[in-house]
Amino acid sequence: MGGVEKLGVGMEQKVVQLQRRIHQQDRSHKALHDEIAGLQRELRDREWDEGRRLKILQEEIGRLRKHMEELEEENENLKRELGTGAGCWKCSSRSRDWSTKPNWRP
């Protein structure tokens, strides 16, 4: 085998070696691409679930705030009633006379 033939065989071997490396890198790239795509899907699903959960919690907070406001208003009304003695037998002047208390039995 002459020098040119050896050079040709060596180049051919080098080309085959480079083709194998490229093929291996392509497989690695595809595997990484598939893994990234799976992680992106998982992240999207989790974000959707968390977004849905956040919306539910925000709605619940809104309901609880409204209920709290209603209770505070009711509390203020009761305080006003107690302050004026309206509707409260303990607060009225008649309440000191136990005989006038409704359903009183000796």
PDB file of N, CA and C in Angstrom:
ATOM      1  N   MET A   1       0.826  -1.168   0.000  1.00  0.00           N
ATOM      2  CA  MET A   1       0.000   0.000   0.000  1.00  0.00           C
ATOM      3  C   MET A   1       0.872   1.233   0.000  1.00  0.00           C
ATOM      4  N   GLY A   2       0.533   2.111  -0.895  1.00  0.00           N
ATOM      5  CA  GLY A   2       1.324   3.311  -1.010  1.00  0.00           C
ATOM      6  C   GLY A   2       0.846   4.391  -0.058  1.00  0.00           C
ATOM      7  N   GLY A   3       1.566   5.480  -0.012  1.00  0.00           N
ATOM      8  CA  GLY A   3       1.254   6.581   0.897  1.00  0.00           C
ATOM      9  C   GLY A   3      -0.091   7.203   0.619  1.00  0.00           C
ATOM     10  N   VAL A   4      -0.451   7.281  -0.651  1.00  0.00           N
ATOM     11  CA  VAL A   4      -1.735   7.880  -1.020  1.00  0.00           C
ATOM     12  C   VAL A   4      -2.860   6.959  -0.602  1.00  0.00           C
ATOM     13  N   GLU A   5      -2.648   5.654  -0.795  1.00  0.00           N
ATOM     14  CA  GLU A   5      -3.679   4.697  -0.406  1.00  0.00           C
ATOM     15  C   GLU A   5      -3.882   4.691   1.102  1.00  0.00           C
ATOM     16  N   LYS A   6      -2.758   4.753   1.862  1.00  0.00           N
ATOM     17  CA  LYS A   6      -2.850   4.801   3.323  1.00  0.00           C
ATOM     18  C   LYS A   6      -3.589   6.057   3.770  1.00  0.00           C
ATOM     19  N   LEU A   7      -3.269   7.146   3.086  1.00  0.00           N
ATOM     20  CA  LEU A   7      -3.932   8.416   3.425  1.00  0.00           C
ATOM     21  C   LEU A   7      -5.424   8.321   3.150  1.00  0.00           C
ATOM     22  N   GLY A   8      -5.800   7.689   2.035  1.00  0.00           N
ATOM     23  CA  GLY A   8      -7.213   7.515   1.678  1.00  0.00           C
ATOM     24  C   GLY A   8      -7.933   6.644   2.704  1.00  0.00           C
ATOM     25  N   VAL A   9      -7.308   5.546   3.125  1.00  0.00           N
ATOM     26  CA  VAL A   9      -7.907   4.643   4.115  1.00  0.00           C
ATOM     27  C   VAL A   9      -8.021   5.367   5.459  1.00  0.00           C
ATOM     28  N   GLY A  10      -6.983   6.084   5.818  1.00  0.00           N
ATOM     29  CA  GLY A  10      -7.006   6.839   7.083  1.00  0.00           C
ATOM     30  C   GLY A  10      -8.105   7.894   7.084  1.00  0.00           C
ATOM     31  N   MET A  11      -8.274   8.571   5.971  1.00  0.00           N
ATOM     32  CA  MET A  11      -9.320   9.598   5.858  1.00  0.00           C
ATOM     33  C   MET A  11     -10.692   8.957   5.926  1.00  0.00           C
ATOM     34  N   GLU A  12     -10.815   7.805   5.266  1.00  0.00           N
ATOM     35  CA  GLU A  12     -12.094   7.096   5.278  1.00  0.00           C
ATOM     36  C   GLU A  12     -12.446   6.666   6.704  1.00  0.00           C
ATOM     37  N   GLN A  13     -11.466   6.153   7.436  1.00  0.00           N
ATOM     38  CA  GLN A  13     -11.691   5.751   8.824  1.00  0.00           C
ATOM     39  C   GLN A  13     -12.081   6.961   9.686  1.00  0.00           C
ATOM     40  N   LYS A  14     -11.409   8.064   9.435  1.00  0.00           N
ATOM     41  CA  LYS A  14     -11.701   9.290  10.177  1.00  0.00           C
ATOM     42  C   LYS A  14     -13.122   9.763   9.887  1.00  0.00           C
ATOM     43  N   VAL A  15     -13.563   9.696   8.646  1.00  0.00           N
ATOM     44  CA  VAL A  15     -14.920  10.084   8.255  1.00  0.00           C
ATOM     45  C   VAL A  15     -15.935   9.190   8.953  1.00  0.00           C
ATOM     46  N   VAL A  16     -15.696   7.887   8.970  1.00  0.00           N
ATOM     47  CA  VAL A  16     -16.597   6.947   9.628  1.00  0.00           C
ATOM     48  C   VAL A  16     -16.658   7.258  11.134  1.00  0.00           C
ATOM     49  N   GLN A  17     -15.478   7.523  11.718  1.00  0.00           N
ATOM     50  CA  GLN A  17     -15.414   7.861  13.147  1.00  0.00           C
ATOM     51  C   GLN A  17     -16.214   9.136  13.447  1.00  0.00           C
ATOM     52  N   LEU A  18     -16.073  10.147  12.619  1.00  0.00           N
ATOM     53  CA  LEU A  18     -16.805  11.405  12.801  1.00  0.00           C
ATOM     54  C   LEU A  18     -18.308  11.196  12.607  1.00  0.00           C
ATOM     55  N   GLN A  19     -18.683  10.346  11.655  1.00  0.00           N
ATOM     56  CA  GLN A  19     -20.098  10.052  11.438  1.00  0.00           C
ATOM     57  C   GLN A  19     -20.698   9.372  12.669  1.00  0.00           C
ATOM     58  N   ARG A  20     -19.950   8.452  13.269  1.00  0.00           N
ATOM     59  CA  ARG A  20     -20.422   7.795  14.497  1.00  0.00           C
ATOM     60  C   ARG A  20     -20.601   8.800  15.631  1.00  0.00           C
ATOM     61  N   ARG A  21     -19.623   9.693  15.757  1.00  0.00           N
ATOM     62  CA  ARG A  21     -19.720  10.721  16.807  1.00  0.00           C
ATOM     63  C   ARG A  21     -20.928  11.627  16.588  1.00  0.00           C
ATOM     64  N   ILE A  22     -21.148  12.015  15.350  1.00  0.00           N
ATOM     65  CA  ILE A  22     -22.301  12.861  15.023  1.00  0.00           C
ATOM     66  C   ILE A  22     -23.596  12.121  15.342  1.00  0.00           C
ATOM     67  N   HIS A  23     -23.653  10.843  14.977  1.00  0.00           N
ATOM     68  CA  HIS A  23     -24.843  10.032  15.241  1.00  0.00           C
ATOM     69  C   HIS A  23     -25.083   9.931  16.757  1.00  0.00           C
ATOM     70  N   GLN A  24     -24.020   9.705  17.530  1.00  0.00           N
ATOM     71  CA  GLN A  24     -24.136   9.620  18.996  1.00  0.00           C
ATOM     72  C   GLN A  24     -24.612  10.959  19.574  1.00  0.00           C
ATOM     73  N   GLN A  25     -24.058  12.045  19.079  1.00  0.00           N
ATOM     74  CA  GLN A  25     -24.479  13.367  19.559  1.00  0.00           C
ATOM     75  C   GLN A  25     -25.930  13.638  19.184  1.00  0.00           C
ATOM     76  N   ASP A  26     -26.360  13.214  18.015  1.00  0.00           N
ATOM     77  CA  ASP A  26     -27.761  13.373  17.613  1.00  0.00           C
ATOM     78  C   ASP A  26     -28.684  12.618  18.566  1.00  0.00           C
ATOM     79  N   ARG A  27     -28.304  11.382  18.922  1.00  0.00           N
ATOM     80  CA  ARG A  27     -29.119  10.614  19.873  1.00  0.00           C
ATOM     81  C   ARG A  27     -29.162  11.303  21.245  1.00  0.00           C
ATOM     82  N   SER A  28     -28.019  11.790  21.687  1.00  0.00           N
ATOM     83  CA  SER A  28     -27.978  12.499  22.977  1.00  0.00           C
ATOM     84  C   SER A  28     -28.828  13.764  22.924  1.00  0.00           C
ATOM     85  N   HIS A  29     -28.724  14.476  21.809  1.00  0.00           N
ATOM     86  CA  HIS A  29     -29.509  15.707  21.636  1.00  0.00           C
ATOM     87  C   HIS A  29     -31.003  15.395  21.645  1.00  0.00           C
ATOM     88  N   LYS A  30     -31.403  14.328  20.943  1.00  0.00           N
ATOM     89  CA  LYS A  30     -32.811  13.948  20.909  1.00  0.00           C
ATOM     90  C   LYS A  30     -33.294  13.542  22.303  1.00  0.00           C
ATOM     91  N   ALA A  31     -32.483  12.794  23.040  1.00  0.00           N
ATOM     92  CA  ALA A  31     -32.860  12.376  24.394  1.00  0.00           C
ATOM     93  C   ALA A  31     -33.037  13.600  25.302  1.00  0.00           C
ATOM     94  N   LEU A  32     -32.114  14.548  25.190  1.00  0.00           N
ATOM     95  CA  LEU A  32     -32.230  15.773  25.991  1.00  0.00           C
ATOM     96  C   LEU A  32     -33.451  16.586  25.580  1.00  0.00           C
ATOM     97  N   HIS A  33     -33.701  16.656  24.283  1.00  0.00           N
ATOM     98  CA  HIS A  33     -34.869  17.387  23.782  1.00  0.00           C
ATOM     99  C   HIS A  33     -36.162  16.760  24.307  1.00  0.00           C
ATOM    100  N   ASP A  34     -36.228  15.427  24.283  1.00  0.00           N
ATOM    101  CA  ASP A  34     -37.412  14.735  24.802  1.00  0.00           C
ATOM    102  C   ASP A  34     -37.577  14.971  26.301  1.00  0.00           C
ATOM    103  N   GLU A  35     -36.473  14.951  27.032  1.00  0.00           N
ATOM    104  CA  GLU A  35     -36.531  15.192  28.476  1.00  0.00           C
ATOM    105  C   GLU A  35     -36.996  16.621  28.769  1.00  0.00           C
ATOM    106  N   ILE A  36     -36.479  17.578  28.033  1.00  0.00           N
ATOM    107  CA  ILE A  36     -36.895  18.983  28.208  1.00  0.00           C
ATOM    108  C   ILE A  36     -38.370  19.142  27.885  1.00  0.00           C
ATOM    109  N   ALA A  37     -38.829  18.514  26.810  1.00  0.00           N
ATOM    110  CA  ALA A  37     -40.241  18.606  26.435  1.00  0.00           C
ATOM    111  C   ALA A  37     -41.117  18.014  27.534  1.00  0.00           C
ATOM    112  N   GLY A  38     -40.702  16.884  28.106  1.00  0.00           N
ATOM    113  CA  GLY A  38     -41.463  16.280  29.205  1.00  0.00           C
ATOM    114  C   GLY A  38     -41.505  17.183  30.429  1.00  0.00           C
ATOM    115  N   LEU A  39     -40.379  17.785  30.755  1.00  0.00           N
ATOM    116  CA  LEU A  39     -40.332  18.692  31.905  1.00  0.00           C
ATOM    117  C   LEU A  39     -41.198  19.936  31.666  1.00  0.00           C
ATOM    118  N   GLN A  40     -41.190  20.426  30.435  1.00  0.00           N
ATOM    119  CA  GLN A  40     -42.030  21.581  30.111  1.00  0.00           C
ATOM    120  C   GLN A  40     -43.514  21.238  30.244  1.00  0.00           C
ATOM    121  N   ARG A  41     -43.903  20.036  29.788  1.00  0.00           N
ATOM    122  CA  ARG A  41     -45.298  19.602  29.946  1.00  0.00           C
ATOM    123  C   ARG A  41     -45.668  19.496  31.422  1.00  0.00           C
ATOM    124  N   GLU A  42     -44.768  18.899  32.192  1.00  0.00           N
ATOM    125  CA  GLU A  42     -45.016  18.749  33.629  1.00  0.00           C
ATOM    126  C   GLU A  42     -45.148  20.112  34.300  1.00  0.00           C
ATOM    127  N   LEU A  43     -44.274  21.033  33.940  1.00  0.00           N
ATOM    128  CA  LEU A  43     -44.332  22.384  34.510  1.00  0.00           C
ATOM    129  C   LEU A  43     -45.634  23.078  34.130  1.00  0.00           C
ATOM    130  N   ARG A  44     -46.033  22.947  32.864  1.00  0.00           N
ATOM    131  CA  ARG A  44     -47.282  23.546  32.394  1.00  0.00           C
ATOM    132  C   ARG A  44     -48.477  22.982  33.165  1.00  0.00           C
ATOM    133  N   ASP A  45     -48.475  21.662  33.369  1.00  0.00           N
ATOM    134  CA  ASP A  45     -49.558  21.028  34.118  1.00  0.00           C
ATOM    135  C   ASP A  45     -49.586  21.518  35.562  1.00  0.00           C
ATOM    136  N   ARG A  46     -48.428  21.602  36.169  1.00  0.00           N
ATOM    137  CA  ARG A  46     -48.362  22.083  37.554  1.00  0.00           C
ATOM    138  C   ARG A  46     -48.799  23.534  37.662  1.00  0.00           C
ATOM    139  N   GLU A  47     -48.369  24.354  36.700  1.00  0.00           N
ATOM    140  CA  GLU A  47     -48.785  25.758  36.701  1.00  0.00           C
ATOM    141  C   GLU A  47     -50.295  25.862  36.563  1.00  0.00           C
ATOM    142  N   TRP A  48     -50.867  25.032  35.702  1.00  0.00           N
ATOM    143  CA  TRP A  48     -52.320  25.057  35.516  1.00  0.00           C
ATOM    144  C   TRP A  48     -53.011  24.652  36.809  1.00  0.00           C
ATOM    145  N   ASP A  49     -52.526  23.559  37.436  1.00  0.00           N
ATOM    146  CA  ASP A  49     -53.108  23.102  38.703  1.00  0.00           C
ATOM    147  C   ASP A  49     -52.977  24.171  39.781  1.00  0.00           C
ATOM    148  N   GLU A  50     -51.789  24.771  39.876  1.00  0.00           N
ATOM    149  CA  GLU A  50     -51.569  25.805  40.893  1.00  0.00           C
ATOM    150  C   GLU A  50     -52.423  27.038  40.598  1.00  0.00           C
ATOM    151  N   GLY A  51     -52.562  27.377  39.326  1.00  0.00           N
ATOM    152  CA  GLY A  51     -53.401  28.519  38.959  1.00  0.00           C
ATOM    153  C   GLY A  51     -54.855  28.267  39.332  1.00  0.00           C
ATOM    154  N   ARG A  52     -55.318  27.042  39.083  1.00  0.00           N
ATOM    155  CA  ARG A  52     -56.695  26.686  39.440  1.00  0.00           C
ATOM    156  C   ARG A  52     -56.873  26.719  40.957  1.00  0.00           C
ATOM    157  N   ARG A  53     -55.886  26.179  41.664  1.00  0.00           N
ATOM    158  CA  ARG A  53     -55.949  26.170  43.127  1.00  0.00           C
ATOM    159  C   ARG A  53     -55.923  27.606  43.678  1.00  0.00           C
ATOM    160  N   LEU A  54     -55.089  28.459  43.076  1.00  0.00           N
ATOM    161  CA  LEU A  54     -55.014  29.857  43.491  1.00  0.00           C
ATOM    162  C   LEU A  54     -56.357  30.554  43.284  1.00  0.00           C
ATOM    163  N   LYS A  55     -56.992  30.301  42.146  1.00  0.00           N
ATOM    164  CA  LYS A  55     -58.294  30.912  41.868  1.00  0.00           C
ATOM    165  C   LYS A  55     -59.328  30.476  42.903  1.00  0.00           C
ATOM    166  N   ILE A  56     -59.332  29.184  43.234  1.00  0.00           N
ATOM    167  CA  ILE A  56     -60.269  28.676  44.240  1.00  0.00           C
ATOM    168  C   ILE A  56     -60.011  29.345  45.585  1.00  0.00           C
ATOM    169  N   LEU A  57     -58.738  29.464  45.957  1.00  0.00           N
ATOM    170  CA  LEU A  57     -58.395  30.095  47.239  1.00  0.00           C
ATOM    171  C   LEU A  57     -58.776  31.575  47.254  1.00  0.00           C
ATOM    172  N   GLN A  58     -58.562  32.259  46.145  1.00  0.00           N
ATOM    173  CA  GLN A  58     -58.941  33.669  46.071  1.00  0.00           C
ATOM    174  C   GLN A  58     -60.455  33.835  46.199  1.00  0.00           C
ATOM    175  N   GLU A  59     -61.204  32.935  45.579  1.00  0.00           N
ATOM    176  CA  GLU A  59     -62.664  32.992  45.710  1.00  0.00           C
ATOM    177  C   GLU A  59     -63.083  32.741  47.151  1.00  0.00           C
ATOM    178  N   GLU A  60     -62.430  31.780  47.803  1.00  0.00           N
ATOM    179  CA  GLU A  60     -62.734  31.476  49.198  1.00  0.00           C
ATOM    180  C   GLU A  60     -62.393  32.668  50.100  1.00  0.00           C
ATOM    181  N   ILE A  61     -61.284  33.319  49.824  1.00  0.00           N
ATOM    182  CA  ILE A  61     -60.908  34.514  50.585  1.00  0.00           C
ATOM    183  C   ILE A  61     -61.970  35.584  50.407  1.00  0.00           C
ATOM    184  N   GLY A  62     -62.452  35.762  49.195  1.00  0.00           N
ATOM    185  CA  GLY A  62     -63.504  36.749  48.941  1.00  0.00           C
ATOM    186  C   GLY A  62     -64.772  36.429  49.726  1.00  0.00           C
ATOM    187  N   ARG A  63     -65.163  35.146  49.714  1.00  0.00           N
ATOM    188  CA  ARG A  63     -66.356  34.754  50.489  1.00  0.00           C
ATOM    189  C   ARG A  63     -66.146  34.987  51.983  1.00  0.00           C
ATOM    190  N   LEU A  64     -64.971  34.628  52.474  1.00  0.00           N
ATOM    191  CA  LEU A  64     -64.698  34.805  53.908  1.00  0.00           C
ATOM    192  C   LEU A  64     -64.657  36.286  54.291  1.00  0.00           C
ATOM    193  N   ARG A  65     -64.094  37.114  53.431  1.00  0.00           N
ATOM    194  CA  ARG A  65     -64.078  38.561  53.706  1.00  0.00           C
ATOM    195  C   ARG A  65     -65.496  39.114  53.772  1.00  0.00           C
ATOM    196  N   LYS A  66     -66.324  38.692  52.810  1.00  0.00           N
ATOM    197  CA  LYS A  66     -67.709  39.160  52.796  1.00  0.00           C
ATOM    198  C   LYS A  66     -68.426  38.698  54.057  1.00  0.00           C
ATOM    199  N   HIS A  67     -68.230  37.446  54.433  1.00  0.00           N
ATOM    200  CA  HIS A  67     -68.866  36.915  55.642  1.00  0.00           C
ATOM    201  C   HIS A  67     -68.372  37.673  56.879  1.00  0.00           C
ATOM    202  N   MET A  68     -67.067  37.962  56.917  1.00  0.00           N
ATOM    203  CA  MET A  68     -66.510  38.705  58.040  1.00  0.00           C
ATOM    204  C   MET A  68     -67.121  40.107  58.113  1.00  0.00           C
ATOM    205  N   GLU A  69     -67.283  40.754  56.971  1.00  0.00           N
ATOM    206  CA  GLU A  69     -67.894  42.086  56.946  1.00  0.00           C
ATOM    207  C   GLU A  69     -69.336  42.017  57.450  1.00  0.00           C
ATOM    208  N   GLU A  70     -70.060  40.977  57.026  1.00  0.00           N
ATOM    209  CA  GLU A  70     -71.433  40.807  57.496  1.00  0.00           C
ATOM    210  C   GLU A  70     -71.476  40.605  59.008  1.00  0.00           C
ATOM    211  N   LEU A  71     -70.545  39.794  59.516  1.00  0.00           N
ATOM    212  CA  LEU A  71     -70.498  39.555  60.964  1.00  0.00           C
ATOM    213  C   LEU A  71     -70.117  40.825  61.724  1.00  0.00           C
ATOM    214  N   GLU A  72     -69.190  41.591  61.172  1.00  0.00           N
ATOM    215  CA  GLU A  72     -68.808  42.852  61.816  1.00  0.00           C
ATOM    216  C   GLU A  72     -69.988  43.822  61.843  1.00  0.00           C
ATOM    217  N   GLU A  73     -70.731  43.869  60.735  1.00  0.00           N
ATOM    218  CA  GLU A  73     -71.908  44.736  60.680  1.00  0.00           C
ATOM    219  C   GLU A  73     -72.945  44.274  61.704  1.00  0.00           C
ATOM    220  N   GLU A  74     -73.166  42.974  61.769  1.00  0.00           N
ATOM    221  CA  GLU A  74     -74.108  42.442  62.740  1.00  0.00           C
ATOM    222  C   GLU A  74     -73.643  42.746  64.166  1.00  0.00           C
ATOM    223  N   ASN A  75     -72.349  42.629  64.392  1.00  0.00           N
ATOM    224  CA  ASN A  75     -71.786  42.933  65.705  1.00  0.00           C
ATOM    225  C   ASN A  75     -72.012  44.398  66.070  1.00  0.00           C
ATOM    226  N   GLU A  76     -71.782  45.286  65.116  1.00  0.00           N
ATOM    227  CA  GLU A  76     -72.015  46.722  65.361  1.00  0.00           C
ATOM    228  C   GLU A  76     -73.484  46.987  65.655  1.00  0.00           C
ATOM    229  N   ASN A  77     -74.378  46.329  64.908  1.00  0.00           N
ATOM    230  CA  ASN A  77     -75.807  46.499  65.160  1.00  0.00           C
ATOM    231  C   ASN A  77     -76.171  46.026  66.562  1.00  0.00           C
ATOM    232  N   LEU A  78     -75.626  44.897  66.961  1.00  0.00           N
ATOM    233  CA  LEU A  78     -75.899  44.383  68.304  1.00  0.00           C
ATOM    234  C   LEU A  78     -75.355  45.319  69.373  1.00  0.00           C
ATOM    235  N   LYS A  79     -74.183  45.886  69.129  1.00  0.00           N
ATOM    236  CA  LYS A  79     -73.620  46.836  70.092  1.00  0.00           C
ATOM    237  C   LYS A  79     -74.515  48.065  70.217  1.00  0.00           C
ATOM    238  N   ARG A  80     -75.030  48.535  69.066  1.00  0.00           N
ATOM    239  CA  ARG A  80     -75.931  49.698  69.112  1.00  0.00           C
ATOM    240  C   ARG A  80     -77.200  49.353  69.885  1.00  0.00           C
ATOM    241  N   GLU A  81     -77.742  48.164  69.618  1.00  0.00           N
ATOM    242  CA  GLU A  81     -78.949  47.745  70.333  1.00  0.00           C
ATOM    243  C   GLU A  81     -78.687  47.662  71.837  1.00  0.00           C
ATOM    244  N   LEU A  82     -77.567  47.120  72.200  1.00  0.00           N
ATOM    245  CA  LEU A  82     -77.229  47.018  73.624  1.00  0.00           C
ATOM    246  C   LEU A  82     -77.028  48.396  74.236  1.00  0.00           C
ATOM    247  N   GLY A  83     -76.439  49.277  73.464  1.00  0.00           N
ATOM    248  CA  GLY A  83     -76.202  50.632  73.965  1.00  0.00           C
ATOM    249  C   GLY A  83     -77.492  51.395  74.190  1.00  0.00           C
ATOM    250  N   THR A  84     -78.484  51.171  73.366  1.00  0.00           N
ATOM    251  CA  THR A  84     -79.752  51.898  73.510  1.00  0.00           C
ATOM    252  C   THR A  84     -80.726  51.125  74.382  1.00  0.00           C
ATOM    253  N   GLY A  85     -80.441  49.869  74.629  1.00  0.00           N
ATOM    254  CA  GLY A  85     -81.341  49.060  75.442  1.00  0.00           C
ATOM    255  C   GLY A  85     -82.513  48.515  74.664  1.00  0.00           C
ATOM    256  N   ALA A  86     -82.528  48.713  73.377  1.00  0.00           N
ATOM    257  CA  ALA A  86     -83.646  48.242  72.570  1.00  0.00           C
ATOM    258  C   ALA A  86     -83.598  46.729  72.433  1.00  0.00           C
ATOM    259  N   GLY A  87     -84.700  46.090  72.753  1.00  0.00           N
ATOM    260  CA  GLY A  87     -84.806  44.661  72.569  1.00  0.00           C
ATOM    261  C   GLY A  87     -84.006  43.848  73.566  1.00  0.00           C
ATOM    262  N   CYS A  88     -83.556  44.433  74.628  1.00  0.00           N
ATOM    263  CA  CYS A  88     -82.745  43.701  75.593  1.00  0.00           C
ATOM    264  C   CYS A  88     -83.383  43.853  76.965  1.00  0.00           C
ATOM    265  N   TRP A  89     -83.979  42.814  77.487  1.00  0.00           N
ATOM    266  CA  TRP A  89     -84.695  42.917  78.751  1.00  0.00           C
ATOM    267  C   TRP A  89     -83.751  43.188  79.904  1.00  0.00           C
ATOM    268  N   LYS A  90     -82.490  42.774  79.785  1.00  0.00           N
ATOM    269  CA  LYS A  90     -81.531  43.030  80.866  1.00  0.00           C
ATOM    270  C   LYS A  90     -81.186  44.516  80.937  1.00  0.00           C
ATOM    271  N   CYS A  91     -81.243  45.201  79.782  1.00  0.00           N
ATOM    272  CA  CYS A  91     -80.841  46.599  79.738  1.00  0.00           C
ATOM    273  C   CYS A  91     -81.982  47.554  80.065  1.00  0.00           C
ATOM    274  N   SER A  92     -83.193  47.102  80.013  1.00  0.00           N
ATOM    275  CA  SER A  92     -84.318  48.003  80.255  1.00  0.00           C
ATOM    276  C   SER A  92     -84.504  48.238  81.750  1.00  0.00           C
ATOM    277  N   SER A  93     -85.196  49.336  82.083  1.00  0.00           N
ATOM    278  CA  SER A  93     -85.422  49.663  83.489  1.00  0.00           C
ATOM    279  C   SER A  93     -86.343  48.635  84.136  1.00  0.00           C
ATOM    280  N   ARG A  94     -87.187  48.005  83.341  1.00  0.00           N
ATOM    281  CA  ARG A  94     -88.093  47.008  83.895  1.00  0.00           C
ATOM    282  C   ARG A  94     -87.346  45.740  84.290  1.00  0.00           C
ATOM    283  N   SER A  95     -86.167  45.525  83.740  1.00  0.00           N
ATOM    284  CA  SER A  95     -85.481  44.279  84.015  1.00  0.00           C
ATOM    285  C   SER A  95     -85.037  44.174  85.462  1.00  0.00           C
ATOM    286  N   ARG A  96     -84.958  45.280  86.153  1.00  0.00           N
ATOM    287  CA  ARG A  96     -84.561  45.224  87.555  1.00  0.00           C
ATOM    288  C   ARG A  96     -85.674  44.627  88.416  1.00  0.00           C
ATOM    289  N   ASP A  97     -86.884  44.694  87.937  1.00  0.00           N
ATOM    290  CA  ASP A  97     -88.015  44.096  88.632  1.00  0.00           C
ATOM    291  C   ASP A  97     -88.226  42.720  88.024  1.00  0.00           C
ATOM    292  N   TRP A  98     -87.744  41.704  88.693  1.00  0.00           N
ATOM    293  CA  TRP A  98     -87.774  40.351  88.172  1.00  0.00           C
ATOM    294  C   TRP A  98     -89.188  39.865  87.899  1.00  0.00           C
ATOM    295  N   SER A  99     -90.158  40.448  88.541  1.00  0.00           N
ATOM    296  CA  SER A  99     -91.521  39.988  88.320  1.00  0.00           C
ATOM    297  C   SER A  99     -92.038  40.377  86.941  1.00  0.00           C
ATOM    298  N   THR A 100     -91.428  41.370  86.301  1.00  0.00           N
ATOM    299  CA  THR A 100     -91.883  41.791  84.966  1.00  0.00           C
ATOM    300  C   THR A 100     -91.132  41.066  83.851  1.00  0.00           C
ATOM    301  N   LYS A 101     -90.149  40.290  84.229  1.00  0.00           N
ATOM    302  CA  LYS A 101     -89.398  39.542  83.220  1.00  0.00           C
ATOM    303  C   LYS A 101     -90.321  38.515  82.565  1.00  0.00           C
ATOM    304  N   PRO A 102     -90.304  38.398  81.242  1.00  0.00           N
ATOM    305  CA  PRO A 102     -91.165  37.426  80.575  1.00  0.00           C
ATOM    306  C   PRO A 102     -90.889  36.003  81.072  1.00  0.00           C
ATOM    307  N   ASN A 103     -91.952  35.215  81.155  1.00  0.00           N
ATOM    308  CA  ASN A 103     -91.848  33.824  81.585  1.00  0.00           C
ATOM    309  C   ASN A 103     -91.272  33.663  82.990  1.00  0.00           C
ATOM    310  N   TRP A 104     -91.500  34.656  83.820  1.00  0.00           N
ATOM    311  CA  TRP A 104     -91.006  34.562  85.188  1.00  0.00           C
ATOM    312  C   TRP A 104     -91.970  33.760  86.021  1.00  0.00           C
ATOM    313  N   ARG A 105     -91.438  32.834  86.766  1.00  0.00           N
ATOM    314  CA  ARG A 105     -92.295  32.027  87.654  1.00  0.00           C
ATOM    315  C   ARG A 105     -91.696  32.033  89.039  1.00  0.00           C
ATOM    316  N   PRO A 106     -92.532  32.356  90.039  1.00  0.00           N
ATOM    317  CA  PRO A 106     -92.003  32.371  91.428  1.00  0.00           C
ATOM    318  C   PRO A 106     -91.678  30.992  91.936  1.00  0.00           C
TER     319      PRO A 106
END
